[in-house]
Amino acid sequence: MIPFSILDLSLIGEGYSVSQALDQSRLLAIKAEQHGYNRLWLAEHHGMPGIASAATALVIAHVGAATKTIRVGSGGIMLPNHSPLVIAEQFGTLEALLPGRVDLGLGRAPGTDMRTANALRRNLDAGAENFPQDIVELKHLLGTPVPNQAILAVPGTEANVPIWLLGSSTYSAHVAAVLGLPYAFASHFAPDMLLDAIAIYRDRFQPSADLDKPYVMAGVMGVAADTDEEANRLFTSSQQQFVNLRKNVRGLFPKPLDTMDGFWTPMEKMNVEHTLRYAAVGSPRTIERKLGEFLAETQADELIISMPIHDIDKRLRSVELFSQLSLMDSQLQRAA
């Protein structure tokens, strides 16, 4: 049994507004807390009509205000888009508002296309190259200041918000190991380097004041329904989205289809199924088997599930069904 968490992108589905998408994130957080999930993270993406979590810290505050016990945070903040001082102030503020419940997951990618990344007004090449130094600076700003420290994050100083490194390749595995930080891998959309990255992280991990041994969280797409047939139909929304992303077709999160036949080409089908090969889709019995195989392969310490389901009621039902699996170590069980 391991903790289950949720990754949310505040999906703006076809037929929904941004306001409704953000309200759905609130409902998702409340449901996740009720069913014992460990944490709910929001992801930073820009320029995507189907995603409402661009101002990630604001959405974290929104879902945090609606909950009491579940951890909330970023999965992640794309640090090259920002100065460490700004992020220290934002997450120091979140920690003051939601004491003891905030996580700061950091990524190195821009979370958007290159033109939008340039519009974020940071030097992208320098930002990516300075990623390890920016992490150290951010940790310093969130920690206890030294005497006569010239730059202070207020709020932020002594907030000590836990920092995670996120990755979809092996790069951040090296950095997380050297800095002794917990590591989350984006295997829900980038499966190819998962096992290599985990092995590098565990083999090279150096204990730190933050963490005495490696801690791995792995991501999966998840769609649970009462039957395999219903879950597979709901999953067509994500399959369409990934086909559209490959074509650079940017739109709202699509409604499900009865069949993907005629929507994708054989090559598109092969590419999407490869990208989403770790997806856990089906009835609880089917998902239990798939997740059991995934956890046996990765030996992950925690599982974070992205549940991209168009209909909010079915998304909440999926949250409930995942929580009933025997694999889940629930917050509720630990509290009892």
Foldseek 3Di string as FASTA:
>chain_A
DFAEAAEEQLFQAVVGDSVVSLVLLLVLLVLLVVLFHAAYAYEAAPDFAGGNCNVVLVSQLVNLVSDQHHAYEHPAAQQLLDQLLVVLQSVLVVCVVRPPRYAHEYENDQRYDPVVSVVSPGDNVVSNVCVLVRVVVNQQQQEADDPPDPDHRVSRYHSNHAYEYEELAQVVLQSCQVAQHEYEYALQQRVPHQQVNLVSNQVRHDHDPRHRHYAYEYEAAEAEDQFLLVQVQQCQLVLLVQLCVVVVNHDGRYAGDNDCVVVDDPVSVVVSCVRRVLHQTGYLVSSLVSVVVVCVSNVHNYYYYYYPGNDSVSSSVRSNRVSPHPPHDGNVVVVD
